[in-house]
Amino acid sequence: MLWKVESMSGLRCERAELALSEGANMSDLCRRFPVSRKTGYKWLGRYATGGTCGLSDRSRKPNASLS
């Protein structure tokens, strides 16, 4: 049996394209792909500003340290 392997950026791109389609409902899409609406809108905004490159994982390292 072969497993279907997709990258996270590919799934994010699919979600963003579906959200931008005519008559799309963000709440329904977020239920279909189990993410919160806040996360759905975050990825949609990143797709709008950066295209598919904007959907890649980002570092969680802080920009500055308070030490």
PDB file of N, CA and C in Angstrom:
ATOM      1  N   MET A   1       0.846  -1.178   0.000  1.00  0.00           N
ATOM      2  CA  MET A   1       0.000   0.000   0.000  1.00  0.00           C
ATOM      3  C   MET A   1       0.890   1.239   0.000  1.00  0.00           C
ATOM      4  N   LEU A   2       0.587   2.168  -0.879  1.00  0.00           N
ATOM      5  CA  LEU A   2       1.331   3.419  -0.941  1.00  0.00           C
ATOM      6  C   LEU A   2       0.571   4.498  -0.184  1.00  0.00           C
ATOM      7  N   TRP A   3       1.315   5.274   0.561  1.00  0.00           N
ATOM      8  CA  TRP A   3       0.722   6.380   1.307  1.00  0.00           C
ATOM      9  C   TRP A   3       0.886   7.651   0.500  1.00  0.00           C
ATOM     10  N   LYS A   4      -0.118   8.469   0.511  1.00  0.00           N
ATOM     11  CA  LYS A   4      -0.056   9.754  -0.169  1.00  0.00           C
ATOM     12  C   LYS A   4       0.663  10.735   0.743  1.00  0.00           C
ATOM     13  N   VAL A   5       1.806  11.212   0.297  1.00  0.00           N
ATOM     14  CA  VAL A   5       2.610  12.128   1.102  1.00  0.00           C
ATOM     15  C   VAL A   5       2.566  13.502   0.457  1.00  0.00           C
ATOM     16  N   GLU A   6       2.150  14.488   1.231  1.00  0.00           N
ATOM     17  CA  GLU A   6       2.109  15.863   0.749  1.00  0.00           C
ATOM     18  C   GLU A   6       2.852  16.744   1.726  1.00  0.00           C
ATOM     19  N   SER A   7       3.467  17.771   1.195  1.00  0.00           N
ATOM     20  CA  SER A   7       4.165  18.703   2.071  1.00  0.00           C
ATOM     21  C   SER A   7       3.150  19.641   2.720  1.00  0.00           C
ATOM     22  N   MET A   8       3.540  20.201   3.849  1.00  0.00           N
ATOM     23  CA  MET A   8       2.651  21.129   4.546  1.00  0.00           C
ATOM     24  C   MET A   8       2.410  22.375   3.696  1.00  0.00           C
ATOM     25  N   SER A   9       3.446  22.851   3.004  1.00  0.00           N
ATOM     26  CA  SER A   9       3.254  24.042   2.177  1.00  0.00           C
ATOM     27  C   SER A   9       2.298  23.742   1.019  1.00  0.00           C
ATOM     28  N   GLY A  10       2.300  22.499   0.525  1.00  0.00           N
ATOM     29  CA  GLY A  10       1.356  22.122  -0.524  1.00  0.00           C
ATOM     30  C   GLY A  10      -0.076  22.140  -0.026  1.00  0.00           C
ATOM     31  N   LEU A  11      -0.288  21.638   1.185  1.00  0.00           N
ATOM     32  CA  LEU A  11      -1.626  21.674   1.776  1.00  0.00           C
ATOM     33  C   LEU A  11      -2.063  23.103   2.058  1.00  0.00           C
ATOM     34  N   ARG A  12      -1.132  23.922   2.536  1.00  0.00           N
ATOM     35  CA  ARG A  12      -1.459  25.328   2.813  1.00  0.00           C
ATOM     36  C   ARG A  12      -1.818  26.054   1.527  1.00  0.00           C
ATOM     37  N   CYS A  13      -1.092  25.750   0.462  1.00  0.00           N
ATOM     38  CA  CYS A  13      -1.368  26.363  -0.834  1.00  0.00           C
ATOM     39  C   CYS A  13      -2.751  25.952  -1.331  1.00  0.00           C
ATOM     40  N   GLU A  14      -3.086  24.684  -1.187  1.00  0.00           N
ATOM     41  CA  GLU A  14      -4.398  24.193  -1.598  1.00  0.00           C
ATOM     42  C   GLU A  14      -5.504  24.916  -0.825  1.00  0.00           C
ATOM     43  N   ARG A  15      -5.319  25.049   0.492  1.00  0.00           N
ATOM     44  CA  ARG A  15      -6.314  25.760   1.313  1.00  0.00           C
ATOM     45  C   ARG A  15      -6.472  27.207   0.869  1.00  0.00           C
ATOM     46  N   ALA A  16      -5.347  27.879   0.610  1.00  0.00           N
ATOM     47  CA  ALA A  16      -5.403  29.288   0.216  1.00  0.00           C
ATOM     48  C   ALA A  16      -6.101  29.448  -1.126  1.00  0.00           C
ATOM     49  N   GLU A  17      -5.809  28.575  -2.074  1.00  0.00           N
ATOM     50  CA  GLU A  17      -6.458  28.659  -3.382  1.00  0.00           C
ATOM     51  C   GLU A  17      -7.949  28.386  -3.281  1.00  0.00           C
ATOM     52  N   LEU A  18      -8.334  27.429  -2.431  1.00  0.00           N
ATOM     53  CA  LEU A  18      -9.761  27.165  -2.227  1.00  0.00           C
ATOM     54  C   LEU A  18     -10.447  28.355  -1.560  1.00  0.00           C
ATOM     55  N   ALA A  19      -9.755  29.007  -0.626  1.00  0.00           N
ATOM     56  CA  ALA A  19     -10.342  30.157   0.072  1.00  0.00           C
ATOM     57  C   ALA A  19     -10.534  31.335  -0.868  1.00  0.00           C
ATOM     58  N   LEU A  20      -9.677  31.444  -1.878  1.00  0.00           N
ATOM     59  CA  LEU A  20      -9.781  32.551  -2.822  1.00  0.00           C
ATOM     60  C   LEU A  20     -10.763  32.273  -3.950  1.00  0.00           C
ATOM     61  N   SER A  21     -11.266  31.058  -4.048  1.00  0.00           N
ATOM     62  CA  SER A  21     -12.206  30.716  -5.114  1.00  0.00           C
ATOM     63  C   SER A  21     -13.567  31.357  -4.859  1.00  0.00           C
ATOM     64  N   GLU A  22     -14.349  31.448  -5.920  1.00  0.00           N
ATOM     65  CA  GLU A  22     -15.670  32.076  -5.858  1.00  0.00           C
ATOM     66  C   GLU A  22     -16.597  31.325  -4.910  1.00  0.00           C
ATOM     67  N   GLY A  23     -17.224  32.034  -3.986  1.00  0.00           N
ATOM     68  CA  GLY A  23     -18.193  31.445  -3.067  1.00  0.00           C
ATOM     69  C   GLY A  23     -17.593  30.619  -1.948  1.00  0.00           C
ATOM     70  N   ALA A  24     -16.318  30.800  -1.675  1.00  0.00           N
ATOM     71  CA  ALA A  24     -15.654  30.019  -0.622  1.00  0.00           C
ATOM     72  C   ALA A  24     -16.082  30.519   0.755  1.00  0.00           C
ATOM     73  N   ASN A  25     -16.140  29.615   1.705  1.00  0.00           N
ATOM     74  CA  ASN A  25     -16.499  29.942   3.078  1.00  0.00           C
ATOM     75  C   ASN A  25     -15.346  29.492   3.979  1.00  0.00           C
ATOM     76  N   MET A  26     -14.687  30.444   4.641  1.00  0.00           N
ATOM     77  CA  MET A  26     -13.508  30.139   5.446  1.00  0.00           C
ATOM     78  C   MET A  26     -13.836  29.193   6.597  1.00  0.00           C
ATOM     79  N   SER A  27     -14.988  29.345   7.216  1.00  0.00           N
ATOM     80  CA  SER A  27     -15.372  28.459   8.320  1.00  0.00           C
ATOM     81  C   SER A  27     -15.475  27.008   7.854  1.00  0.00           C
ATOM     82  N   ASP A  28     -16.099  26.796   6.698  1.00  0.00           N
ATOM     83  CA  ASP A  28     -16.224  25.441   6.161  1.00  0.00           C
ATOM     84  C   ASP A  28     -14.864  24.860   5.791  1.00  0.00           C
ATOM     85  N   LEU A  29     -14.008  25.676   5.194  1.00  0.00           N
ATOM     86  CA  LEU A  29     -12.673  25.203   4.828  1.00  0.00           C
ATOM     87  C   LEU A  29     -11.852  24.828   6.054  1.00  0.00           C
ATOM     88  N   CYS A  30     -11.971  25.610   7.110  1.00  0.00           N
ATOM     89  CA  CYS A  30     -11.210  25.323   8.325  1.00  0.00           C
ATOM     90  C   CYS A  30     -11.719  24.066   9.025  1.00  0.00           C
ATOM     91  N   ARG A  31     -12.993  23.770   8.890  1.00  0.00           N
ATOM     92  CA  ARG A  31     -13.501  22.498   9.422  1.00  0.00           C
ATOM     93  C   ARG A  31     -13.033  21.331   8.554  1.00  0.00           C
ATOM     94  N   ARG A  32     -13.006  21.540   7.245  1.00  0.00           N
ATOM     95  CA  ARG A  32     -12.569  20.493   6.319  1.00  0.00           C
ATOM     96  C   ARG A  32     -11.096  20.138   6.511  1.00  0.00           C
ATOM     97  N   PHE A  33     -10.260  21.161   6.620  1.00  0.00           N
ATOM     98  CA  PHE A  33      -8.841  20.979   6.941  1.00  0.00           C
ATOM     99  C   PHE A  33      -8.722  21.409   8.397  1.00  0.00           C
ATOM    100  N   PRO A  34      -8.594  20.511   9.327  1.00  0.00           N
ATOM    101  CA  PRO A  34      -8.751  20.868  10.746  1.00  0.00           C
ATOM    102  C   PRO A  34      -7.731  21.891  11.259  1.00  0.00           C
ATOM    103  N   VAL A  35      -8.061  23.169  11.043  1.00  0.00           N
ATOM    104  CA  VAL A  35      -7.284  24.284  11.585  1.00  0.00           C
ATOM    105  C   VAL A  35      -8.270  25.316  12.116  1.00  0.00           C
ATOM    106  N   SER A  36      -7.794  26.186  12.985  1.00  0.00           N
ATOM    107  CA  SER A  36      -8.661  27.245  13.498  1.00  0.00           C
ATOM    108  C   SER A  36      -8.851  28.310  12.417  1.00  0.00           C
ATOM    109  N   ARG A  37      -9.899  29.104  12.555  1.00  0.00           N
ATOM    110  CA  ARG A  37     -10.123  30.186  11.593  1.00  0.00           C
ATOM    111  C   ARG A  37      -8.990  31.194  11.651  1.00  0.00           C
ATOM    112  N   LYS A  38      -8.455  31.438  12.842  1.00  0.00           N
ATOM    113  CA  LYS A  38      -7.335  32.366  12.976  1.00  0.00           C
ATOM    114  C   LYS A  38      -6.140  31.895  12.142  1.00  0.00           C
ATOM    115  N   THR A  39      -5.837  30.596  12.226  1.00  0.00           N
ATOM    116  CA  THR A  39      -4.737  30.035  11.451  1.00  0.00           C
ATOM    117  C   THR A  39      -5.050  30.076   9.962  1.00  0.00           C
ATOM    118  N   GLY A  40      -6.288  29.790   9.593  1.00  0.00           N
ATOM    119  CA  GLY A  40      -6.688  29.849   8.192  1.00  0.00           C
ATOM    120  C   GLY A  40      -6.485  31.229   7.596  1.00  0.00           C
ATOM    121  N   TYR A  41      -6.890  32.254   8.321  1.00  0.00           N
ATOM    122  CA  TYR A  41      -6.701  33.620   7.834  1.00  0.00           C
ATOM    123  C   TYR A  41      -5.221  34.015   7.831  1.00  0.00           C
ATOM    124  N   LYS A  42      -4.442  33.494   8.776  1.00  0.00           N
ATOM    125  CA  LYS A  42      -3.003  33.764   8.799  1.00  0.00           C
ATOM    126  C   LYS A  42      -2.354  33.231   7.526  1.00  0.00           C
ATOM    127  N   TRP A  43      -2.660  31.976   7.164  1.00  0.00           N
ATOM    128  CA  TRP A  43      -2.061  31.386   5.967  1.00  0.00           C
ATOM    129  C   TRP A  43      -2.578  32.062   4.704  1.00  0.00           C
ATOM    130  N   LEU A  44      -3.821  32.495   4.691  1.00  0.00           N
ATOM    131  CA  LEU A  44      -4.360  33.198   3.537  1.00  0.00           C
ATOM    132  C   LEU A  44      -3.639  34.536   3.343  1.00  0.00           C
ATOM    133  N   GLY A  45      -3.383  35.250   4.443  1.00  0.00           N
ATOM    134  CA  GLY A  45      -2.648  36.509   4.357  1.00  0.00           C
ATOM    135  C   GLY A  45      -1.225  36.310   3.884  1.00  0.00           C
ATOM    136  N   ARG A  46      -0.569  35.262   4.375  1.00  0.00           N
ATOM    137  CA  ARG A  46       0.796  34.974   3.931  1.00  0.00           C
ATOM    138  C   ARG A  46       0.825  34.608   2.455  1.00  0.00           C
ATOM    139  N   TYR A  47      -0.191  33.895   1.983  1.00  0.00           N
ATOM    140  CA  TYR A  47      -0.262  33.532   0.570  1.00  0.00           C
ATOM    141  C   TYR A  47      -0.477  34.779  -0.282  1.00  0.00           C
ATOM    142  N   ALA A  48      -1.307  35.703   0.203  1.00  0.00           N
ATOM    143  CA  ALA A  48      -1.589  36.921  -0.550  1.00  0.00           C
ATOM    144  C   ALA A  48      -0.352  37.811  -0.681  1.00  0.00           C
ATOM    145  N   THR A  49       0.481  37.852   0.362  1.00  0.00           N
ATOM    146  CA  THR A  49       1.663  38.715   0.309  1.00  0.00           C
ATOM    147  C   THR A  49       2.894  38.041  -0.267  1.00  0.00           C
ATOM    148  N   GLY A  50       3.043  36.732  -0.070  1.00  0.00           N
ATOM    149  CA  GLY A  50       4.270  36.078  -0.492  1.00  0.00           C
ATOM    150  C   GLY A  50       4.107  34.941  -1.471  1.00  0.00           C
ATOM    151  N   GLY A  51       2.875  34.648  -1.905  1.00  0.00           N
ATOM    152  CA  GLY A  51       2.663  33.527  -2.808  1.00  0.00           C
ATOM    153  C   GLY A  51       2.992  32.211  -2.126  1.00  0.00           C
ATOM    154  N   THR A  52       3.420  31.232  -2.908  1.00  0.00           N
ATOM    155  CA  THR A  52       3.727  29.926  -2.333  1.00  0.00           C
ATOM    156  C   THR A  52       4.947  29.982  -1.427  1.00  0.00           C
ATOM    157  N   CYS A  53       5.868  30.930  -1.669  1.00  0.00           N
ATOM    158  CA  CYS A  53       7.039  31.065  -0.789  1.00  0.00           C
ATOM    159  C   CYS A  53       6.630  31.548   0.601  1.00  0.00           C
ATOM    160  N   GLY A  54       5.560  32.302   0.699  1.00  0.00           N
ATOM    161  CA  GLY A  54       5.082  32.789   1.983  1.00  0.00           C
ATOM    162  C   GLY A  54       4.474  31.714   2.853  1.00  0.00           C
ATOM    163  N   LEU A  55       4.230  30.531   2.290  1.00  0.00           N
ATOM    164  CA  LEU A  55       3.587  29.454   3.030  1.00  0.00           C
ATOM    165  C   LEU A  55       4.571  28.480   3.660  1.00  0.00           C
ATOM    166  N   SER A  56       5.855  28.712   3.473  1.00  0.00           N
ATOM    167  CA  SER A  56       6.845  27.807   4.066  1.00  0.00           C
ATOM    168  C   SER A  56       6.932  28.051   5.573  1.00  0.00           C
ATOM    169  N   ASP A  57       7.442  27.052   6.282  1.00  0.00           N
ATOM    170  CA  ASP A  57       7.592  27.174   7.726  1.00  0.00           C
ATOM    171  C   ASP A  57       8.581  28.281   8.067  1.00  0.00           C
ATOM    172  N   ARG A  58       8.325  28.981   9.128  1.00  0.00           N
ATOM    173  CA  ARG A  58       9.211  30.055   9.588  1.00  0.00           C
ATOM    174  C   ARG A  58       9.821  29.669  10.919  1.00  0.00           C
ATOM    175  N   SER A  59      10.947  30.268  11.196  1.00  0.00           N
ATOM    176  CA  SER A  59      11.636  30.009  12.455  1.00  0.00           C
ATOM    177  C   SER A  59      10.829  30.605  13.615  1.00  0.00           C
ATOM    178  N   ARG A  60      10.856  29.925  14.745  1.00  0.00           N
ATOM    179  CA  ARG A  60      10.176  30.426  15.942  1.00  0.00           C
ATOM    180  C   ARG A  60      11.159  31.113  16.878  1.00  0.00           C
ATOM    181  N   LYS A  61      12.394  31.216  16.449  1.00  0.00           N
ATOM    182  CA  LYS A  61      13.426  31.858  17.257  1.00  0.00           C
ATOM    183  C   LYS A  61      13.116  33.352  17.378  1.00  0.00           C
ATOM    184  N   PRO A  62      13.208  33.899  18.574  1.00  0.00           N
ATOM    185  CA  PRO A  62      12.939  35.342  18.732  1.00  0.00           C
ATOM    186  C   PRO A  62      14.020  36.174  18.031  1.00  0.00           C
ATOM    187  N   ASN A  63      13.646  37.368  17.617  1.00  0.00           N
ATOM    188  CA  ASN A  63      14.580  38.258  16.949  1.00  0.00           C
ATOM    189  C   ASN A  63      15.612  38.831  17.916  1.00  0.00           C
ATOM    190  N   ALA A  64      15.220  39.020  19.143  1.00  0.00           N
ATOM    191  CA  ALA A  64      16.128  39.599  20.138  1.00  0.00           C
ATOM    192  C   ALA A  64      15.931  38.879  21.482  1.00  0.00           C
ATOM    193  N   SER A  65      16.948  38.944  22.293  1.00  0.00           N
ATOM    194  CA  SER A  65      16.885  38.326  23.613  1.00  0.00           C
ATOM    195  C   SER A  65      16.925  39.424  24.668  1.00  0.00           C
ATOM    196  N   LEU A  66      16.255  39.236  25.780  1.00  0.00           N
ATOM    197  CA  LEU A  66      16.212  40.250  26.833  1.00  0.00           C
ATOM    198  C   LEU A  66      17.274  40.005  27.913  1.00  0.00           C
ATOM    199  N   SER A  67      18.284  39.231  27.636  1.00  0.00           N
ATOM    200  CA  SER A  67      19.282  38.945  28.663  1.00  0.00           C
ATOM    201  C   SER A  67      20.334  40.008  28.793  1.00  0.00           C
TER     202      SER A  67
END
